[in-house]
Structures are given as C-alpha cells and as structure tokens.
C-alpha cells in the first residue's frame, strides 16, 4: 500500500481558490491518483482522477472548468487547484491511489476502486 498525505485545505469565501496537495510515498506508473470529497451526511464522491500511465484525467461534472488536477512526479505530489469555489464544494477532501490505472479511469474515479487513502483535509467555503 501507498502512504498519502493531503494538505492545503482551509476556509475560503465563495468565488475564492485553494490548492490541495497530496504527497504520495511513491509514484508507480500503473497507478491512478484521485481526489474525493465527503460532506456531512453524504456519500464520498469522486472529484477528479489522474492516470499515472498517460496523464489522462477525469472530472466530476460539477467541477469541470473550475478544478484542475496535476502531478509532479519528481516531487511525488498530485495537486488539485480549485477555483471559483462554491458553498457546495465544502467537504473533507481525500486523495487516494490504486492500480491498474486503465481500469480505474474507465470506471470514472469511483471510491470503491481505491485502497490507499490519506487522512483528509477540510475545505470550508463560507462568507
């Protein structure tokens, strides 16, 4: 299993931006790395994923055009840049990793496909 550590959460006003970071203990090529979120009383949902094989990405419809996932393999870090934040984006954000990347990406970034998880970072969007 991989170890993952998230950071970058916090309180931001609606319309603001945050960048989340996920440091991964190692970056195997055949892994997918994903960002997920869970709000109180709701199920955990996939926000965005990136394939270690080819860098292909997935975004949940509600974040397309506002969030960007990227990776820095030299730093073993995956980022989630979140712009134009809305109150409904507020949640605990988790990063996760698993393989094989191809199958995981084809299933559109579902939490059940991921076995290694970070501890989460809180994002609050409020004025």
N, C-alpha and C. Protein backbone atom coordinates (compact mmCIF):
# COMPACT_ATOMS: atom_id res chain seq x y z
N UNK A 1 0.82 -1.19 0.00
CA UNK A 1 0.00 0.00 0.00
C UNK A 1 0.86 1.25 0.00
N UNK A 2 0.31 2.31 -0.60
CA UNK A 2 0.99 3.59 -0.60
C UNK A 2 0.54 4.41 0.60
N UNK A 3 1.39 5.35 1.00
CA UNK A 3 1.01 6.32 2.02
C UNK A 3 0.77 7.66 1.33
N UNK A 4 -0.31 8.32 1.72
CA UNK A 4 -0.68 9.58 1.12
C UNK A 4 -0.96 10.60 2.21
N UNK A 5 -0.50 11.83 2.00
CA UNK A 5 -0.72 12.90 2.97
C UNK A 5 -1.23 14.13 2.24
N UNK A 6 -2.45 14.57 2.61
CA UNK A 6 -3.04 15.75 2.00
C UNK A 6 -2.72 17.00 2.82
N UNK A 7 -2.75 18.12 2.14
CA UNK A 7 -2.63 19.42 2.81
C UNK A 7 -3.24 20.47 1.91
N UNK A 8 -3.44 21.66 2.48
CA UNK A 8 -3.91 22.78 1.68
C UNK A 8 -5.35 23.20 1.90
N UNK A 9 -6.06 22.44 2.71
CA UNK A 9 -7.44 22.83 2.98
C UNK A 9 -7.51 24.08 3.84
N UNK A 10 -8.72 24.60 4.00
CA UNK A 10 -8.90 25.79 4.81
C UNK A 10 -10.24 26.43 4.57
N UNK A 11 -10.36 27.65 5.07
CA UNK A 11 -11.59 28.43 4.91
C UNK A 11 -11.39 29.44 3.78
N UNK A 12 -12.34 29.48 2.87
CA UNK A 12 -12.25 30.40 1.75
C UNK A 12 -13.65 30.95 1.47
N UNK A 13 -13.72 32.16 0.98
CA UNK A 13 -15.00 32.75 0.63
C UNK A 13 -15.48 32.21 -0.71
N UNK A 14 -16.78 32.22 -0.94
CA UNK A 14 -17.29 31.83 -2.26
C UNK A 14 -16.61 32.63 -3.36
N UNK A 15 -16.24 31.93 -4.42
CA UNK A 15 -15.50 32.56 -5.51
C UNK A 15 -14.00 32.50 -5.35
N UNK A 16 -13.54 32.08 -4.18
CA UNK A 16 -12.12 32.01 -3.92
C UNK A 16 -11.47 30.75 -4.46
N UNK A 17 -10.18 30.61 -4.16
CA UNK A 17 -9.40 29.49 -4.66
C UNK A 17 -8.60 28.83 -3.54
N UNK A 18 -8.34 27.55 -3.73
CA UNK A 18 -7.44 26.79 -2.87
C UNK A 18 -6.70 25.80 -3.74
N UNK A 19 -5.49 25.43 -3.30
CA UNK A 19 -4.77 24.36 -3.97
C UNK A 19 -4.45 23.28 -2.93
N UNK A 20 -4.99 22.10 -3.18
CA UNK A 20 -4.72 20.96 -2.33
C UNK A 20 -3.52 20.19 -2.86
N UNK A 21 -2.74 19.65 -1.95
CA UNK A 21 -1.58 18.84 -2.31
C UNK A 21 -1.71 17.46 -1.70
N UNK A 22 -1.23 16.47 -2.43
CA UNK A 22 -1.22 15.09 -1.94
C UNK A 22 0.16 14.52 -2.21
N UNK A 23 0.92 14.31 -1.15
CA UNK A 23 2.24 13.71 -1.29
C UNK A 23 2.10 12.21 -1.17
N UNK A 24 2.60 11.50 -2.16
CA UNK A 24 2.49 10.04 -2.22
C UNK A 24 3.85 9.43 -1.93
N UNK A 25 3.86 8.31 -1.17
CA UNK A 25 5.13 7.72 -0.76
C UNK A 25 5.95 7.27 -1.96
N UNK A 26 5.29 6.85 -3.01
CA UNK A 26 5.97 6.56 -4.26
C UNK A 26 4.95 6.66 -5.37
N UNK A 27 5.44 6.71 -6.62
CA UNK A 27 4.55 7.02 -7.73
C UNK A 27 4.65 5.94 -8.80
N UNK A 28 4.11 4.74 -8.55
CA UNK A 28 4.16 3.69 -9.58
C UNK A 28 3.44 4.12 -10.85
N UNK A 29 3.96 3.74 -11.97
CA UNK A 29 3.42 4.18 -13.25
C UNK A 29 1.98 3.70 -13.43
N UNK A 30 1.67 2.50 -13.01
CA UNK A 30 0.37 1.92 -13.30
C UNK A 30 -0.69 2.29 -12.27
N UNK A 31 -0.48 3.36 -11.52
CA UNK A 31 -1.45 3.78 -10.53
C UNK A 31 -2.27 4.97 -11.02
N UNK A 32 -3.48 5.03 -10.52
CA UNK A 32 -4.29 6.22 -10.65
C UNK A 32 -4.34 6.91 -9.29
N UNK A 33 -4.30 8.21 -9.31
CA UNK A 33 -4.41 9.01 -8.09
C UNK A 33 -5.69 9.84 -8.21
N UNK A 34 -6.46 9.83 -7.15
CA UNK A 34 -7.73 10.55 -7.23
C UNK A 34 -7.95 11.47 -6.04
N UNK A 35 -8.79 12.47 -6.27
CA UNK A 35 -9.28 13.34 -5.21
C UNK A 35 -10.77 13.05 -5.01
N UNK A 36 -11.15 12.89 -3.77
CA UNK A 36 -12.51 12.59 -3.40
C UNK A 36 -12.95 13.56 -2.32
N UNK A 37 -14.25 13.68 -2.12
CA UNK A 37 -14.72 14.54 -1.05
C UNK A 37 -15.95 13.92 -0.39
N UNK A 38 -16.13 14.28 0.86
CA UNK A 38 -17.28 13.80 1.60
C UNK A 38 -17.79 14.91 2.49
N UNK A 39 -19.02 15.31 2.23
CA UNK A 39 -19.69 16.31 3.05
C UNK A 39 -20.52 15.60 4.12
N UNK A 40 -20.83 16.28 5.21
CA UNK A 40 -21.62 15.66 6.29
C UNK A 40 -22.93 15.09 5.75
N UNK A 41 -23.21 13.85 6.09
CA UNK A 41 -24.45 13.21 5.69
C UNK A 41 -24.50 12.75 4.26
N UNK A 42 -23.39 12.89 3.53
CA UNK A 42 -23.37 12.48 2.14
C UNK A 42 -22.32 11.41 1.91
N UNK A 43 -22.48 10.68 0.81
CA UNK A 43 -21.50 9.67 0.47
C UNK A 43 -20.24 10.30 -0.11
N UNK A 44 -19.16 9.57 0.03
CA UNK A 44 -17.91 10.02 -0.58
C UNK A 44 -18.04 9.96 -2.09
N UNK A 45 -17.56 10.99 -2.77
CA UNK A 45 -17.69 11.04 -4.22
C UNK A 45 -16.36 11.39 -4.88
N UNK A 46 -16.19 10.90 -6.09
CA UNK A 46 -15.00 11.21 -6.85
C UNK A 46 -15.07 12.60 -7.43
N UNK A 47 -14.03 13.37 -7.25
CA UNK A 47 -13.95 14.73 -7.77
C UNK A 47 -13.10 14.77 -9.04
N UNK A 48 -11.93 14.17 -8.98
CA UNK A 48 -11.02 14.19 -10.12
C UNK A 48 -9.98 13.10 -9.95
N UNK A 49 -9.56 12.51 -11.05
CA UNK A 49 -8.54 11.48 -11.03
C UNK A 49 -7.55 11.72 -12.15
N UNK A 50 -6.34 11.20 -11.96
CA UNK A 50 -5.32 11.31 -13.00
C UNK A 50 -4.60 9.96 -13.11
N UNK A 51 -4.33 9.57 -14.33
CA UNK A 51 -3.67 8.29 -14.58
C UNK A 51 -2.16 8.47 -14.57
N UNK A 52 -1.48 7.56 -13.87
CA UNK A 52 -0.03 7.57 -13.90
C UNK A 52 0.52 7.05 -15.22
N UNK A 53 -0.31 6.34 -15.99
CA UNK A 53 0.14 5.77 -17.26
C UNK A 53 0.32 6.84 -18.33
N UNK A 54 -0.72 7.66 -18.51
CA UNK A 54 -0.69 8.60 -19.62
C UNK A 54 -1.11 10.02 -19.25
N UNK A 55 -1.37 10.24 -17.95
CA UNK A 55 -1.75 11.58 -17.52
C UNK A 55 -3.18 11.95 -17.85
N UNK A 56 -3.97 10.98 -18.32
CA UNK A 56 -5.36 11.29 -18.63
C UNK A 56 -6.09 11.64 -17.34
N UNK A 57 -7.13 12.44 -17.48
CA UNK A 57 -7.82 12.96 -16.31
C UNK A 57 -9.32 12.74 -16.40
N UNK A 58 -9.94 12.76 -15.24
CA UNK A 58 -11.40 12.69 -15.12
C UNK A 58 -11.81 13.80 -14.16
N UNK A 59 -12.93 14.42 -14.45
CA UNK A 59 -13.51 15.41 -13.55
C UNK A 59 -15.00 15.15 -13.38
N UNK A 60 -15.45 15.30 -12.17
CA UNK A 60 -16.89 15.30 -11.90
C UNK A 60 -17.50 16.49 -12.63
N UNK A 61 -18.68 16.31 -13.18
CA UNK A 61 -19.29 17.36 -14.00
C UNK A 61 -19.36 18.70 -13.28
N UNK A 62 -19.69 18.68 -12.01
CA UNK A 62 -19.91 19.94 -11.31
C UNK A 62 -18.64 20.73 -11.06
N UNK A 63 -17.47 20.13 -11.29
CA UNK A 63 -16.22 20.86 -11.07
C UNK A 63 -15.47 21.15 -12.36
N UNK A 64 -15.98 20.65 -13.48
CA UNK A 64 -15.31 20.90 -14.76
C UNK A 64 -15.21 22.39 -15.03
N UNK A 65 -14.05 22.82 -15.47
CA UNK A 65 -13.81 24.23 -15.74
C UNK A 65 -13.40 25.03 -14.53
N UNK A 66 -13.53 24.45 -13.33
CA UNK A 66 -13.16 25.17 -12.10
C UNK A 66 -11.98 24.50 -11.39
N UNK A 67 -11.91 23.18 -11.45
CA UNK A 67 -10.85 22.43 -10.77
C UNK A 67 -9.88 21.87 -11.81
N UNK A 68 -8.62 21.78 -11.41
CA UNK A 68 -7.59 21.20 -12.27
C UNK A 68 -6.71 20.28 -11.45
N UNK A 69 -6.57 19.04 -11.92
CA UNK A 69 -5.69 18.08 -11.27
C UNK A 69 -4.37 18.05 -12.04
N UNK A 70 -3.28 17.94 -11.32
CA UNK A 70 -1.98 17.87 -11.97
C UNK A 70 -1.04 17.05 -11.09
N UNK A 71 0.08 16.66 -11.67
CA UNK A 71 1.03 15.85 -10.91
C UNK A 71 2.44 16.35 -11.14
N UNK A 72 3.25 16.19 -10.14
CA UNK A 72 4.68 16.47 -10.21
C UNK A 72 5.37 15.19 -9.77
N UNK A 73 5.79 14.39 -10.75
CA UNK A 73 6.36 13.09 -10.42
C UNK A 73 7.69 13.23 -9.69
N UNK A 74 8.42 14.29 -9.94
CA UNK A 74 9.70 14.48 -9.23
C UNK A 74 9.48 14.70 -7.75
N UNK A 75 8.34 15.29 -7.40
CA UNK A 75 8.01 15.57 -6.01
C UNK A 75 7.02 14.56 -5.43
N UNK A 76 6.63 13.56 -6.23
CA UNK A 76 5.64 12.56 -5.79
C UNK A 76 4.38 13.25 -5.25
N UNK A 77 3.95 14.27 -5.96
CA UNK A 77 2.82 15.08 -5.47
C UNK A 77 1.77 15.25 -6.56
N UNK A 78 0.53 15.14 -6.14
CA UNK A 78 -0.62 15.43 -7.00
C UNK A 78 -1.34 16.63 -6.41
N UNK A 79 -1.71 17.55 -7.26
CA UNK A 79 -2.36 18.77 -6.83
C UNK A 79 -3.81 18.82 -7.32
N UNK A 80 -4.63 19.54 -6.59
CA UNK A 80 -5.98 19.86 -7.06
C UNK A 80 -6.15 21.37 -6.89
N UNK A 81 -6.09 22.08 -8.00
CA UNK A 81 -6.32 23.52 -7.98
C UNK A 81 -7.81 23.74 -8.08
N UNK A 82 -8.36 24.44 -7.10
CA UNK A 82 -9.81 24.66 -7.04
C UNK A 82 -10.07 26.15 -7.13
N UNK A 83 -10.73 26.56 -8.19
CA UNK A 83 -11.08 27.97 -8.40
C UNK A 83 -12.59 28.14 -8.38
N UNK A 84 -13.02 29.37 -8.22
CA UNK A 84 -14.45 29.70 -8.22
C UNK A 84 -15.22 28.79 -7.27
N UNK A 85 -14.71 28.65 -6.09
CA UNK A 85 -15.30 27.72 -5.12
C UNK A 85 -16.70 28.16 -4.73
N UNK A 86 -17.54 27.16 -4.53
CA UNK A 86 -18.93 27.38 -4.15
C UNK A 86 -19.19 26.75 -2.78
N UNK A 87 -20.22 27.19 -2.08
CA UNK A 87 -20.52 26.57 -0.78
C UNK A 87 -20.72 25.06 -0.89
N UNK A 88 -21.26 24.59 -1.99
CA UNK A 88 -21.48 23.15 -2.14
C UNK A 88 -20.20 22.36 -2.37
N UNK A 89 -19.07 23.05 -2.55
CA UNK A 89 -17.78 22.35 -2.63
C UNK A 89 -17.21 22.03 -1.25
N UNK A 90 -17.81 22.57 -0.21
CA UNK A 90 -17.30 22.34 1.14
C UNK A 90 -17.41 20.87 1.52
N UNK A 91 -16.32 20.32 2.02
CA UNK A 91 -16.28 18.90 2.39
C UNK A 91 -14.89 18.59 2.93
N UNK A 92 -14.74 17.37 3.41
CA UNK A 92 -13.40 16.85 3.67
C UNK A 92 -12.92 16.23 2.35
N UNK A 93 -11.76 16.66 1.92
CA UNK A 93 -11.18 16.18 0.67
C UNK A 93 -10.09 15.16 0.98
N UNK A 94 -10.15 14.04 0.28
CA UNK A 94 -9.20 12.95 0.44
C UNK A 94 -8.50 12.67 -0.88
N UNK A 95 -7.26 12.27 -0.81
CA UNK A 95 -6.63 11.71 -2.00
C UNK A 95 -6.45 10.21 -1.77
N UNK A 96 -6.43 9.49 -2.87
CA UNK A 96 -6.35 8.04 -2.83
C UNK A 96 -5.60 7.54 -4.05
N UNK A 97 -5.12 6.30 -3.95
CA UNK A 97 -4.34 5.72 -5.04
C UNK A 97 -4.63 4.23 -5.15
N UNK A 98 -4.56 3.73 -6.37
CA UNK A 98 -4.63 2.29 -6.59
C UNK A 98 -4.30 1.98 -8.04
N UNK A 99 -4.24 0.70 -8.36
CA UNK A 99 -3.96 0.26 -9.72
C UNK A 99 -4.92 -0.85 -10.09
N UNK A 100 -5.08 -1.21 -11.34
CA UNK A 100 -4.42 -0.64 -12.51
C UNK A 100 -5.10 0.64 -12.99
N UNK A 101 -4.32 1.58 -13.43
CA UNK A 101 -4.85 2.89 -13.79
C UNK A 101 -5.88 2.81 -14.90
N UNK A 102 -5.64 1.99 -15.91
CA UNK A 102 -6.55 1.93 -17.05
C UNK A 102 -7.96 1.55 -16.64
N UNK A 103 -8.07 0.50 -15.84
CA UNK A 103 -9.39 0.04 -15.41
C UNK A 103 -10.06 1.07 -14.50
N UNK A 104 -9.28 1.65 -13.62
CA UNK A 104 -9.84 2.64 -12.69
C UNK A 104 -10.36 3.85 -13.44
N UNK A 105 -9.60 4.34 -14.38
CA UNK A 105 -10.04 5.53 -15.14
C UNK A 105 -11.27 5.21 -15.97
N UNK A 106 -11.37 3.98 -16.49
CA UNK A 106 -12.54 3.62 -17.30
C UNK A 106 -13.80 3.58 -16.46
N UNK A 107 -13.67 3.37 -15.16
CA UNK A 107 -14.82 3.34 -14.26
C UNK A 107 -15.11 4.69 -13.65
N UNK A 108 -14.40 5.70 -14.14
CA UNK A 108 -14.71 7.10 -13.81
C UNK A 108 -14.55 7.41 -12.33
N UNK A 109 -13.41 6.96 -11.77
CA UNK A 109 -12.98 7.53 -10.49
C UNK A 109 -13.95 7.25 -9.35
N UNK A 110 -14.30 5.98 -9.16
CA UNK A 110 -15.20 5.64 -8.07
C UNK A 110 -14.41 5.27 -6.82
N UNK A 111 -14.87 5.70 -5.64
CA UNK A 111 -14.09 5.46 -4.41
C UNK A 111 -13.81 3.98 -4.15
N UNK A 112 -14.73 3.10 -4.55
CA UNK A 112 -14.58 1.66 -4.25
C UNK A 112 -13.36 1.05 -4.93
N UNK A 113 -12.83 1.71 -5.94
CA UNK A 113 -11.67 1.18 -6.65
C UNK A 113 -10.34 1.52 -5.99
N UNK A 114 -10.37 2.30 -4.94
CA UNK A 114 -9.13 2.80 -4.34
C UNK A 114 -8.90 2.20 -2.96
N UNK A 115 -7.69 1.69 -2.72
CA UNK A 115 -7.38 1.03 -1.47
C UNK A 115 -6.46 1.79 -0.55
N UNK A 116 -5.73 2.76 -1.05
CA UNK A 116 -4.82 3.55 -0.22
C UNK A 116 -5.37 4.97 -0.12
N UNK A 117 -5.56 5.44 1.11
CA UNK A 117 -6.20 6.72 1.36
C UNK A 117 -5.38 7.59 2.30
N UNK A 118 -5.48 8.89 2.08
CA UNK A 118 -4.93 9.84 3.02
C UNK A 118 -5.91 10.11 4.14
N UNK A 119 -5.52 11.02 5.05
CA UNK A 119 -6.33 11.28 6.22
C UNK A 119 -7.39 12.35 5.98
N UNK A 120 -7.28 13.08 4.89
CA UNK A 120 -8.25 14.10 4.55
C UNK A 120 -7.86 15.49 4.99
N UNK A 121 -8.40 16.47 4.28
CA UNK A 121 -8.18 17.88 4.62
C UNK A 121 -9.50 18.61 4.44
N UNK A 122 -9.84 19.46 5.41
CA UNK A 122 -11.14 20.12 5.40
C UNK A 122 -11.12 21.35 4.50
N UNK A 123 -12.14 21.45 3.66
CA UNK A 123 -12.35 22.65 2.85
C UNK A 123 -13.68 23.26 3.26
N UNK A 124 -13.65 24.50 3.68
CA UNK A 124 -14.86 25.22 4.08
C UNK A 124 -15.02 26.43 3.17
N UNK A 125 -16.19 26.56 2.58
CA UNK A 125 -16.48 27.68 1.68
C UNK A 125 -17.64 28.47 2.29
N UNK A 126 -17.30 29.62 2.81
CA UNK A 126 -18.31 30.39 3.52
C UNK A 126 -17.90 31.85 3.57
N UNK A 127 -18.92 32.72 3.55
CA UNK A 127 -18.64 34.14 3.69
C UNK A 127 -18.78 34.56 5.15
